[in-house]
Structures are given as C-alpha cells and as structure tokens.
C-alpha cells in the first residue's frame, strides 16, 4: 500500500504541471507521480494501480477532462474502493477519488488548479494544511508544491513516519537542452527527513540547472548587454557554460558581436576560450597555440558558422588577421553568408576592409540577407568603409 500524501497542481500562466509526494514507502516517486506538459498530471496511491498514471495521461491527451478521465480509470476497476488518485488537466480542472476502504485517515481536497490527497494520515488536518498553504503561496510552482508537502508533514503527515519524497514537474521545453518536457524530476528514495532533502535538491537545481529559457535569454544578453550578463552570472555561474537552443553559448555570442568587455567577463568566470574569441580579443599567443595544436583551425568557424577571419576583422586586429591568413585562412570564407568583408563593413573597420580587399576579398558578394558590404556600410553610417569599397568598384 502506497500510504501517502500528495499534491497535483498546475500553473496555467507558465504551463508548469506537476506532482509532489511524500510517504513512508521506499522510492515513492517511482510509483505515484505522472505528468505531461500541455496534458495534465496524475497521482496514484493507496493500494495504487500503477496503470492509472500512463492511462490517465493518455486519456487526457485525447482531450478528455479530468473528471472524465477519473471516471474512466475508476469505474472498471474492481479494486477501486482501495484506490486513491488525483487528476489535474491542462485547463486546471482538478478531481480526486478516495475509495472507502483506503486506510484511515484517508481523504482529499480539490481547488482551482490543484488537488491534495492522502491516506493513513495523522488526520484530516494534513490535507487541509497542504491546501491552505498552496492556496496562500506565490512564486514558482515547484517551490509551492514542496511547500505544501512541508505543511502536510508539519501537521503529522504519514502516520507511520517518513522515508521518501519526490517532485515531478513538466513544462514544454523544460528539460536540459529544451528537448523534452521533463522540467524537474527529483527524488529522495530513503531518508530520515526526505522532504527536507527534497527542498535542498530543488535549491541546488535552481542554481546548477537553469531553465532553458533562462539560458536562451542569457545568451541573447551576451550579444550586447554587459550589465545583464554580470547580474545573471553572479546569481547562476553555471550559465557561463550553458548553450542556447540554437547551439550558441554566451562567449560565442559576445565574440561575433565584438563585445570584448562581455567576453572578458565570461572568461573570468570560467568560460572556455576558443580560437574565434581569442582572435577577436587580439590574444596572439593563444591564437598561435591553437594553430600549433591544430593547423586546420585556420578554417574554423564560430557561432552561426561565421569564419574565423571575421573575428579579428571586426575588432581591428590586423596582426591576428595576418597570422590567420598566413596559416591558410580564406578572405572569402563563407559558411553562413557572412564573410570577413561584411564584418568590416558592419563594424566600421575601414582599415581592415582595405586590407581584405588588398588580399583578394570579393567586393560585391552578398551576405545571408542579400546585402553587399557597401550596402551594409551605408546602412550603418560607416562612410570611410563605403569610400574604400567604392574605390574598388563597389556599387
């Protein structure tokens, strides 16, 4: 018997939906909680029918309401009088079932967007405390769910004592890398104070595994916003090493936008230096070291497939550009539509534009948006670059 107390709930503003559970039952998180983003969540307990989880999610995914799903699960089950189950659908409709043969005290309470249920509890005050706490709380759903467990335990929890707790929350793109909906999946399978440990794990996850949307926002900021990058990296240093959905990290973002200040901050926080960033920063010794280790890096590309020669060009690092050219870099290299000459035009590097033209850069090639270097220079107001391009026949 999974004599247990749990809460199933959703936050319709964020799309999060999850289950938090605690019990004097080994590895309770392996049996009770089931979630799917955009669909719903189920907690199955007491003399738990483990099929309620996957079957409930399947029925919810077909468009049935929480109430309809509960009926479809319970009515054909000959042992339903010993079952307990809570269901919340993506619209926030919540229902629960407590069979009359569940061990006392057993019961549930439902509210808008949540349901709390428990069996073999110290008394009804366990469930009431969970519901009150959840309704009164604010902030992210995972913290609110754990807070409800803490309130239930403070009012007696499972009559038999403590052993395990779990938190399972789904959200679209919420997983590491944003590829699945498994946002938070934390379990304490055997401990003296499992809810305490569950709270501690959640706090660690908040620091060490940021939400993918937070990573994406951080990488976007690294293109141009030093203050935001500094503030966020102070709170979550792990962001320095994370990659956005489009396979770019913050250092790469700062490199191809010529933000040496942001790149230096990220390097000081432990970001891994690459040849493109080193070239943008004018780190000659490191560029030489990269090339000695792997001569093929003269043809390397950075974020968005931008060729390595682009990076010293946008920062006016002529010595680095000459080193790369001597090592085999191509002044007309192009893998994403952005060539070194386009970089010179965009960043107002007239001297570098002239240098590229002197070394064979094609004056009228177009970037990924169909613009020539001259058009880019004119749009950016870089007249000295435009003059140099016109002197080579650009129109």
Protein backbone atom coordinates (compact mmCIF):
# COMPACT_ATOMS: atom_id res chain seq x y z
CA UNK A 1 0.00 0.00 0.00
CA UNK A 2 1.37 3.41 -1.02
CA UNK A 3 0.07 5.18 2.09
CA UNK A 4 0.96 8.65 1.01
CA UNK A 5 0.14 12.34 0.85
CA UNK A 6 0.50 14.21 -2.42
CA UNK A 7 -0.48 17.32 -4.32
CA UNK A 8 -1.15 17.56 -8.05
CA UNK A 9 -1.28 21.08 -9.48
CA UNK A 10 -0.75 23.31 -12.49
CA UNK A 11 0.27 26.90 -13.15
CA UNK A 12 -1.60 27.92 -16.27
CA UNK A 13 0.44 31.12 -16.63
CA UNK A 14 3.73 29.23 -17.04
CA UNK A 15 2.42 25.92 -18.36
CA UNK A 16 4.04 24.01 -15.49
CA UNK A 17 2.17 20.98 -14.19
CA UNK A 18 3.39 18.61 -11.53
CA UNK A 19 3.11 16.30 -8.56
CA UNK A 20 4.82 16.39 -5.17
CA UNK A 21 4.54 13.36 -2.90
CA UNK A 22 5.83 12.04 0.42
CA UNK A 23 5.40 8.70 2.15
CA UNK A 24 6.75 6.02 4.45
CA UNK A 25 7.24 4.00 1.29
CA UNK A 26 10.57 3.30 -0.41
CA UNK A 27 11.12 5.27 -3.63
CA UNK A 28 7.58 6.62 -3.71
CA UNK A 29 8.50 8.77 -6.71
CA UNK A 30 8.74 5.64 -8.86
CA UNK A 31 5.03 4.87 -8.44
CA UNK A 32 2.86 7.86 -7.60
CA UNK A 33 3.64 10.88 -9.88
CA UNK A 34 2.88 11.12 -13.60
CA UNK A 35 2.99 14.31 -15.66
CA UNK A 36 2.96 15.53 -19.25
CA UNK A 37 3.24 19.15 -20.36
CA UNK A 38 0.16 20.54 -22.03
CA UNK A 39 -1.80 17.45 -20.98
CA UNK A 40 -2.07 17.00 -17.22
CA UNK A 41 -0.83 15.13 -14.17
CA UNK A 42 -1.88 12.14 -12.09
CA UNK A 43 -1.03 10.87 -8.61
CA UNK A 44 -1.96 7.22 -7.97
CA UNK A 45 -1.66 5.88 -4.41
CA UNK A 46 -3.16 3.84 -1.52
CA UNK A 47 -3.39 0.31 -3.00
CA UNK A 48 -2.01 2.02 -6.06
CA UNK A 49 -2.98 0.98 -9.55
CA UNK A 50 0.17 1.97 -11.41
CA UNK A 51 -1.64 1.89 -14.74
CA UNK A 52 -3.67 4.93 -13.67
CA UNK A 53 -0.63 7.10 -14.41
CA UNK A 54 0.10 6.30 -18.06
CA UNK A 55 -3.54 5.56 -18.88
CA UNK A 56 -4.69 8.79 -17.29
CA UNK A 57 -2.19 10.82 -19.30
CA UNK A 58 -3.23 9.02 -22.49
CA UNK A 59 -6.88 9.86 -21.91
CA UNK A 60 -6.06 13.48 -21.05
CA UNK A 61 -4.02 13.74 -24.24
CA UNK A 62 -7.10 12.59 -26.18
CA UNK A 63 -8.92 15.66 -24.87
CA UNK A 64 -10.95 14.19 -22.02
CA UNK A 65 -11.46 16.39 -18.98
CA UNK A 66 -10.03 15.50 -15.59
CA UNK A 67 -13.47 14.38 -14.41
CA UNK A 68 -14.00 12.17 -17.45
CA UNK A 69 -10.56 10.63 -17.03
CA UNK A 70 -11.16 9.87 -13.37
CA UNK A 71 -14.38 8.06 -14.22
CA UNK A 72 -12.70 6.08 -16.99
CA UNK A 73 -9.96 4.98 -14.60
CA UNK A 74 -12.04 4.12 -11.58
CA UNK A 75 -15.35 2.69 -12.85
CA UNK A 76 -14.00 -0.52 -14.46
CA UNK A 77 -11.54 -1.16 -11.61
CA UNK A 78 -12.87 -3.88 -9.32
CA UNK A 79 -10.49 -2.73 -6.57
CA UNK A 80 -11.38 0.94 -6.83
CA UNK A 81 -12.55 1.03 -3.21
CA UNK A 82 -8.93 0.64 -2.15
CA UNK A 83 -7.54 3.18 -4.62
CA UNK A 84 -6.74 6.84 -4.26
CA UNK A 85 -6.00 9.08 -7.23
CA UNK A 86 -5.78 12.79 -8.04
CA UNK A 87 -6.01 14.22 -11.56
CA UNK A 88 -5.45 17.74 -12.89
CA UNK A 89 -5.80 18.57 -16.57
CA UNK A 90 -4.05 21.30 -18.53
CA UNK A 91 -7.05 23.63 -18.08
CA UNK A 92 -6.65 23.44 -14.30
CA UNK A 93 -9.68 21.24 -13.66
CA UNK A 94 -8.95 19.04 -10.63
CA UNK A 95 -10.65 15.91 -9.32
CA UNK A 96 -9.80 13.13 -6.89
CA UNK A 97 -11.04 9.74 -5.72
CA UNK A 98 -10.62 8.17 -2.30
CA UNK A 99 -12.04 4.67 -2.01
CA UNK A 100 -13.99 3.91 1.15
CA UNK A 101 -11.62 1.03 2.01
CA UNK A 102 -8.48 3.21 1.97
CA UNK A 103 -6.79 3.13 5.36
CA UNK A 104 -7.86 5.84 7.80
CA UNK A 105 -7.40 8.68 7.86
CA UNK A 106 -7.91 9.00 4.11
CA UNK A 107 -9.39 11.79 2.07
CA UNK A 108 -8.79 14.59 -0.41
CA UNK A 109 -9.47 18.23 -1.11
CA UNK A 110 -9.64 19.87 -4.51
CA UNK A 111 -9.41 23.51 -5.53
CA UNK A 112 -8.76 25.61 -8.59
CA UNK A 113 -5.81 24.06 -10.36
CA UNK A 114 -4.90 21.57 -7.64
CA UNK A 115 -5.91 18.51 -5.64
CA UNK A 116 -4.42 17.23 -2.38
CA UNK A 117 -4.95 13.65 -1.22
CA UNK A 118 -3.64 11.33 1.48
CA UNK A 119 -4.27 8.00 3.17
CA UNK A 120 -3.10 6.60 6.51
CA UNK A 121 -2.62 10.22 7.54
CA UNK A 122 -2.35 11.59 11.06
CA UNK A 123 -5.74 13.21 10.36
CA UNK A 124 -7.66 15.50 8.01
CA UNK A 125 -5.53 18.43 9.17
CA UNK A 126 -2.70 17.12 6.96
CA UNK A 127 -4.63 17.65 3.74
CA UNK A 128 -6.24 20.86 4.96
CA UNK A 129 -2.81 22.33 5.78
CA UNK A 130 -1.49 21.37 2.36
CA UNK A 131 -4.42 23.01 0.59
CA UNK A 132 -4.26 26.20 2.67
CA UNK A 133 -0.54 26.54 2.14
CA UNK A 134 -0.76 26.01 -1.59
CA UNK A 135 -3.60 28.49 -1.99
CA UNK A 136 -1.81 31.13 0.06
CA UNK A 137 1.58 30.73 -1.61
CA UNK A 138 3.04 32.55 -4.59
CA UNK A 139 6.03 32.08 -6.85
CA UNK A 140 7.18 29.16 -8.99
CA UNK A 141 5.05 26.03 -8.95
CA UNK A 142 7.83 23.61 -7.86
CA UNK A 143 8.52 25.60 -4.71
CA UNK A 144 4.80 25.85 -3.96
CA UNK A 145 4.41 22.08 -4.31
CA UNK A 146 7.25 21.36 -1.91
CA UNK A 147 5.80 23.96 0.46
CA UNK A 148 2.53 22.02 0.51
CA UNK A 149 4.41 18.84 1.45
CA UNK A 150 6.20 20.68 4.24
CA UNK A 151 2.86 21.90 5.60
CA UNK A 152 1.42 18.39 5.48
CA UNK A 153 4.40 16.95 7.31
CA UNK A 154 4.24 19.70 9.93
CA UNK A 155 0.69 18.54 10.70
CA UNK A 156 1.60 14.89 11.12
CA UNK A 157 2.00 13.55 7.59
CA UNK A 158 2.06 9.78 7.15
CA UNK A 159 1.16 8.10 10.49
CA UNK A 160 3.95 5.57 10.02
CA UNK A 161 6.70 8.16 9.68
CA UNK A 162 8.94 9.38 6.85
CA UNK A 163 11.02 7.64 4.20
CA UNK A 164 10.73 9.07 0.67
CA UNK A 165 9.60 12.14 -1.26
CA UNK A 166 9.56 13.21 -4.89
CA UNK A 167 8.85 16.18 -7.13
CA UNK A 168 7.97 15.74 -10.81
CA UNK A 169 7.13 18.83 -12.88
CA UNK A 170 6.62 19.01 -16.63
CA UNK A 171 6.81 22.07 -18.87
CA UNK A 172 7.16 22.39 -22.63
CA UNK A 173 10.87 22.53 -23.46
CA UNK A 174 11.70 22.49 -19.76
CA UNK A 175 14.35 19.77 -19.79
CA UNK A 176 18.09 20.16 -20.07
CA UNK A 177 18.65 21.39 -23.61
CA UNK A 178 14.94 22.09 -24.04
CA UNK A 179 14.31 18.83 -25.92
CA UNK A 180 11.66 17.28 -23.64
CA UNK A 181 9.10 18.42 -21.06
CA UNK A 182 10.85 16.89 -18.02
CA UNK A 183 11.49 20.14 -16.20
CA UNK A 184 12.11 18.90 -12.65
CA UNK A 185 12.47 15.27 -11.63
CA UNK A 186 13.84 14.99 -8.09
CA UNK A 187 13.60 12.01 -5.77
CA UNK A 188 14.68 11.20 -2.25
CA UNK A 189 14.14 7.45 -2.07
CA UNK A 190 15.19 6.65 1.50
CA UNK A 191 15.96 9.24 4.17
CA UNK A 192 15.09 10.28 7.71
CA UNK A 193 13.79 13.66 6.52
CA UNK A 194 13.01 13.24 2.84
CA UNK A 195 11.03 16.47 2.40
CA UNK A 196 13.89 18.49 3.87
CA UNK A 197 16.26 16.83 1.44
CA UNK A 198 13.84 17.35 -1.43
CA UNK A 199 13.76 21.09 -0.72
CA UNK A 200 17.57 21.14 -0.65
CA UNK A 201 17.77 19.33 -4.00
CA UNK A 202 15.36 21.82 -5.55
CA UNK A 203 17.52 24.71 -4.33
CA UNK A 204 20.61 23.07 -5.85
CA UNK A 205 18.82 22.52 -9.15
CA UNK A 206 17.81 26.17 -9.31
CA UNK A 207 21.50 27.10 -9.17
CA UNK A 208 23.07 24.31 -11.21
CA UNK A 209 20.46 23.59 -13.88
CA UNK A 210 18.78 26.75 -15.11
CA UNK A 211 15.65 26.63 -17.20
CA UNK A 212 16.41 26.56 -20.92
CA UNK A 213 14.54 29.80 -21.46
CA UNK A 214 16.84 31.44 -18.90
CA UNK A 215 19.85 30.11 -20.82
CA UNK A 216 18.44 31.45 -24.07
CA UNK A 217 17.86 34.87 -22.51
CA UNK A 218 21.38 34.91 -21.10
CA UNK A 219 22.94 34.12 -24.48
CA UNK A 220 20.84 36.83 -26.13
CA UNK A 221 22.03 39.31 -23.49
CA UNK A 222 25.66 38.31 -24.14
CA UNK A 223 25.37 39.83 -27.61
CA UNK A 224 25.05 43.35 -26.22
CA UNK A 225 24.14 43.77 -22.52
CA UNK A 226 27.06 43.71 -20.08
CA UNK A 227 25.02 44.67 -17.02
CA UNK A 228 22.50 41.87 -17.53
CA UNK A 229 25.25 39.32 -18.13
CA UNK A 230 27.08 40.39 -14.98
CA UNK A 231 23.96 40.29 -12.83
CA UNK A 232 22.82 36.89 -14.07
CA UNK A 233 26.19 35.22 -13.87
CA UNK A 234 26.52 36.36 -10.26
CA UNK A 235 23.27 34.53 -9.45
CA UNK A 236 23.88 31.47 -11.63
CA UNK A 237 27.52 30.95 -12.62
CA UNK A 238 26.55 27.77 -14.50
CA UNK A 239 25.03 29.96 -17.23
CA UNK A 240 28.54 30.64 -18.48
CA UNK A 241 28.80 27.05 -19.72
CA UNK A 242 25.24 26.56 -20.99
CA UNK A 243 24.16 26.55 -24.62
CA UNK A 244 21.07 28.14 -26.13
CA UNK A 245 18.60 26.13 -28.18
CA UNK A 246 20.29 27.35 -31.36
CA UNK A 247 23.65 25.88 -30.23
CA UNK A 248 25.38 29.09 -29.19
CA UNK A 249 26.89 29.90 -25.81
CA UNK A 250 27.34 33.33 -24.25
CA UNK A 251 31.06 33.62 -25.06
CA UNK A 252 30.42 32.84 -28.72
CA UNK A 253 27.67 35.46 -28.76
CA UNK A 254 29.97 38.13 -27.37
CA UNK A 255 32.73 37.16 -29.81
CA UNK A 256 30.82 37.60 -33.07
CA UNK A 257 29.33 40.89 -31.87
CA UNK A 258 32.74 42.25 -30.92
CA UNK A 259 31.87 42.72 -27.24
CA UNK A 260 35.30 42.32 -25.72
CA UNK A 261 34.04 43.55 -22.34
CA UNK A 262 31.43 40.79 -22.12
CA UNK A 263 33.88 38.17 -23.41
CA UNK A 264 36.47 39.13 -20.76
CA UNK A 265 33.84 38.89 -18.02
CA UNK A 266 32.77 35.45 -19.18
CA UNK A 267 36.36 34.21 -19.43
CA UNK A 268 36.99 35.44 -15.88
CA UNK A 269 34.01 33.33 -14.81
CA UNK A 270 35.45 30.18 -16.36
CA UNK A 271 34.18 30.18 -19.94
CA UNK A 272 36.27 28.02 -22.28
CA UNK A 273 38.33 30.07 -24.74
CA UNK A 274 38.11 29.19 -28.44
CA UNK A 275 40.19 30.45 -31.37
CA UNK A 276 37.46 32.80 -32.64
CA UNK A 277 37.15 34.59 -29.31
CA UNK A 278 40.92 34.71 -28.91
CA UNK A 279 41.18 36.27 -32.37
CA UNK A 280 38.55 38.90 -31.58
CA UNK A 281 40.34 39.77 -28.33
CA UNK A 282 43.76 40.02 -30.02
CA UNK A 283 45.28 37.20 -27.97
CA UNK A 284 48.11 36.42 -30.39
CA UNK A 285 49.88 33.86 -28.22
CA UNK A 286 46.68 31.88 -27.71
CA UNK A 287 45.79 32.02 -31.42
CA UNK A 288 49.26 30.71 -32.25
CA UNK A 289 48.85 27.96 -29.66
CA UNK A 290 45.51 26.92 -31.19
CA UNK A 291 47.07 26.78 -34.66
CA UNK A 292 50.10 24.78 -33.50
CA UNK A 293 47.79 22.26 -31.89
CA UNK A 294 45.52 22.05 -34.93
CA UNK A 295 46.55 23.89 -38.14
CA UNK A 296 43.11 23.20 -39.60
CA UNK A 297 41.70 25.80 -37.19
CA UNK A 298 42.69 28.46 -39.71
CA UNK A 299 39.44 27.40 -41.36
CA UNK A 300 37.44 27.26 -38.13
CA UNK A 301 34.00 28.78 -37.73
CA UNK A 302 32.32 30.31 -34.71
CA UNK A 303 28.66 30.72 -33.84
CA UNK A 304 26.29 30.67 -36.82
CA UNK A 305 29.10 29.30 -38.99
CA UNK A 306 30.93 32.65 -39.09
CA UNK A 307 34.52 32.18 -40.39
CA UNK A 308 37.43 32.71 -38.01
CA UNK A 309 38.91 35.60 -40.01
CA UNK A 310 35.72 37.60 -39.36
CA UNK A 311 36.60 37.90 -35.66
CA UNK A 312 39.90 39.84 -35.78
CA UNK A 313 38.47 41.93 -38.64
CA UNK A 314 35.52 43.27 -36.63
CA UNK A 315 37.85 44.19 -33.75
CA UNK A 316 40.55 45.78 -35.95
CA UNK A 317 43.14 43.13 -35.00
CA UNK A 318 45.25 43.28 -38.17
CA UNK A 319 48.17 41.31 -36.71
CA UNK A 320 45.86 38.44 -35.83
CA UNK A 321 44.24 38.60 -39.27
CA UNK A 322 47.65 38.39 -40.93
CA UNK A 323 48.59 35.42 -38.75
CA UNK A 324 45.42 33.57 -39.72
CA UNK A 325 45.85 34.41 -43.40
CA UNK A 326 49.44 33.11 -43.33
CA UNK A 327 48.12 29.92 -41.73
CA UNK A 328 45.63 29.30 -44.53
CA UNK A 329 42.52 31.34 -43.66
CA UNK A 330 40.41 32.38 -46.65
CA UNK A 331 39.50 36.07 -47.00
CA UNK A 332 36.35 34.96 -48.86
CA UNK A 333 35.40 32.17 -46.49
CA UNK A 334 31.65 31.82 -46.17
CA UNK A 335 29.53 29.17 -44.48
CA UNK A 336 26.60 31.24 -43.26
CA UNK A 337 26.52 34.11 -45.74
CA UNK A 338 28.66 36.32 -43.50
CA UNK A 339 32.16 36.95 -44.90
CA UNK A 340 35.02 38.88 -43.26
CA UNK A 341 34.39 41.87 -45.54
CA UNK A 342 30.79 42.06 -44.36
CA UNK A 343 32.12 42.18 -40.80
CA UNK A 344 34.45 45.06 -41.62
CA UNK A 345 31.54 46.97 -43.15
CA UNK A 346 29.18 46.28 -40.22
CA UNK A 347 31.71 47.29 -37.57
CA UNK A 348 33.17 50.31 -39.37
CA UNK A 349 36.65 48.84 -39.79
CA UNK A 350 37.84 50.80 -42.83
CA UNK A 351 41.48 49.73 -42.47
CA UNK A 352 40.52 46.10 -42.22
CA UNK A 353 38.20 46.44 -45.21
CA UNK A 354 41.09 47.86 -47.23
CA UNK A 355 43.38 45.05 -46.01
CA UNK A 356 40.87 42.40 -47.05
CA UNK A 357 40.45 43.98 -50.48
CA UNK A 358 44.22 44.09 -50.88
CA UNK A 359 44.29 40.35 -50.19
CA UNK A 360 41.61 39.37 -52.67
CA UNK A 361 38.28 39.89 -50.94
CA UNK A 362 35.37 39.96 -53.40
CA UNK A 363 33.76 43.37 -53.19
CA UNK A 364 30.21 42.61 -54.36
CA UNK A 365 29.34 39.31 -52.66
CA UNK A 366 26.17 39.35 -50.60
CA UNK A 367 25.51 38.27 -47.03
CA UNK A 368 22.73 35.97 -45.79
CA UNK A 369 20.23 38.83 -46.10
CA UNK A 370 21.24 39.58 -49.69
CA UNK A 371 23.21 42.74 -48.87
CA UNK A 372 26.63 43.70 -50.21
CA UNK A 373 29.35 45.09 -47.95
CA UNK A 374 28.73 48.55 -49.41
CA UNK A 375 25.03 48.39 -48.58
CA UNK A 376 25.87 47.31 -45.02
CA UNK A 377 28.39 50.15 -44.60
CA UNK A 378 25.91 52.75 -45.88
CA UNK A 379 23.11 51.47 -43.63
CA UNK A 380 25.43 51.58 -40.60
CA UNK A 381 26.71 55.05 -41.48
CA UNK A 382 30.32 53.91 -41.92
CA UNK A 383 31.29 56.31 -44.69
CA UNK A 384 35.05 55.61 -44.57
CA UNK A 385 34.35 51.93 -45.26
CA UNK A 386 31.97 52.89 -48.06
CA UNK A 387 34.66 55.06 -49.64
CA UNK A 388 37.16 52.20 -49.55
CA UNK A 389 34.63 49.83 -51.14
CA UNK A 390 33.64 52.29 -53.86
CA UNK A 391 37.31 52.81 -54.68
CA UNK A 392 37.40 49.09 -55.57
CA UNK A 393 34.37 49.27 -57.81
CA UNK A 394 31.55 48.55 -55.39
CA UNK A 395 28.24 49.97 -56.47
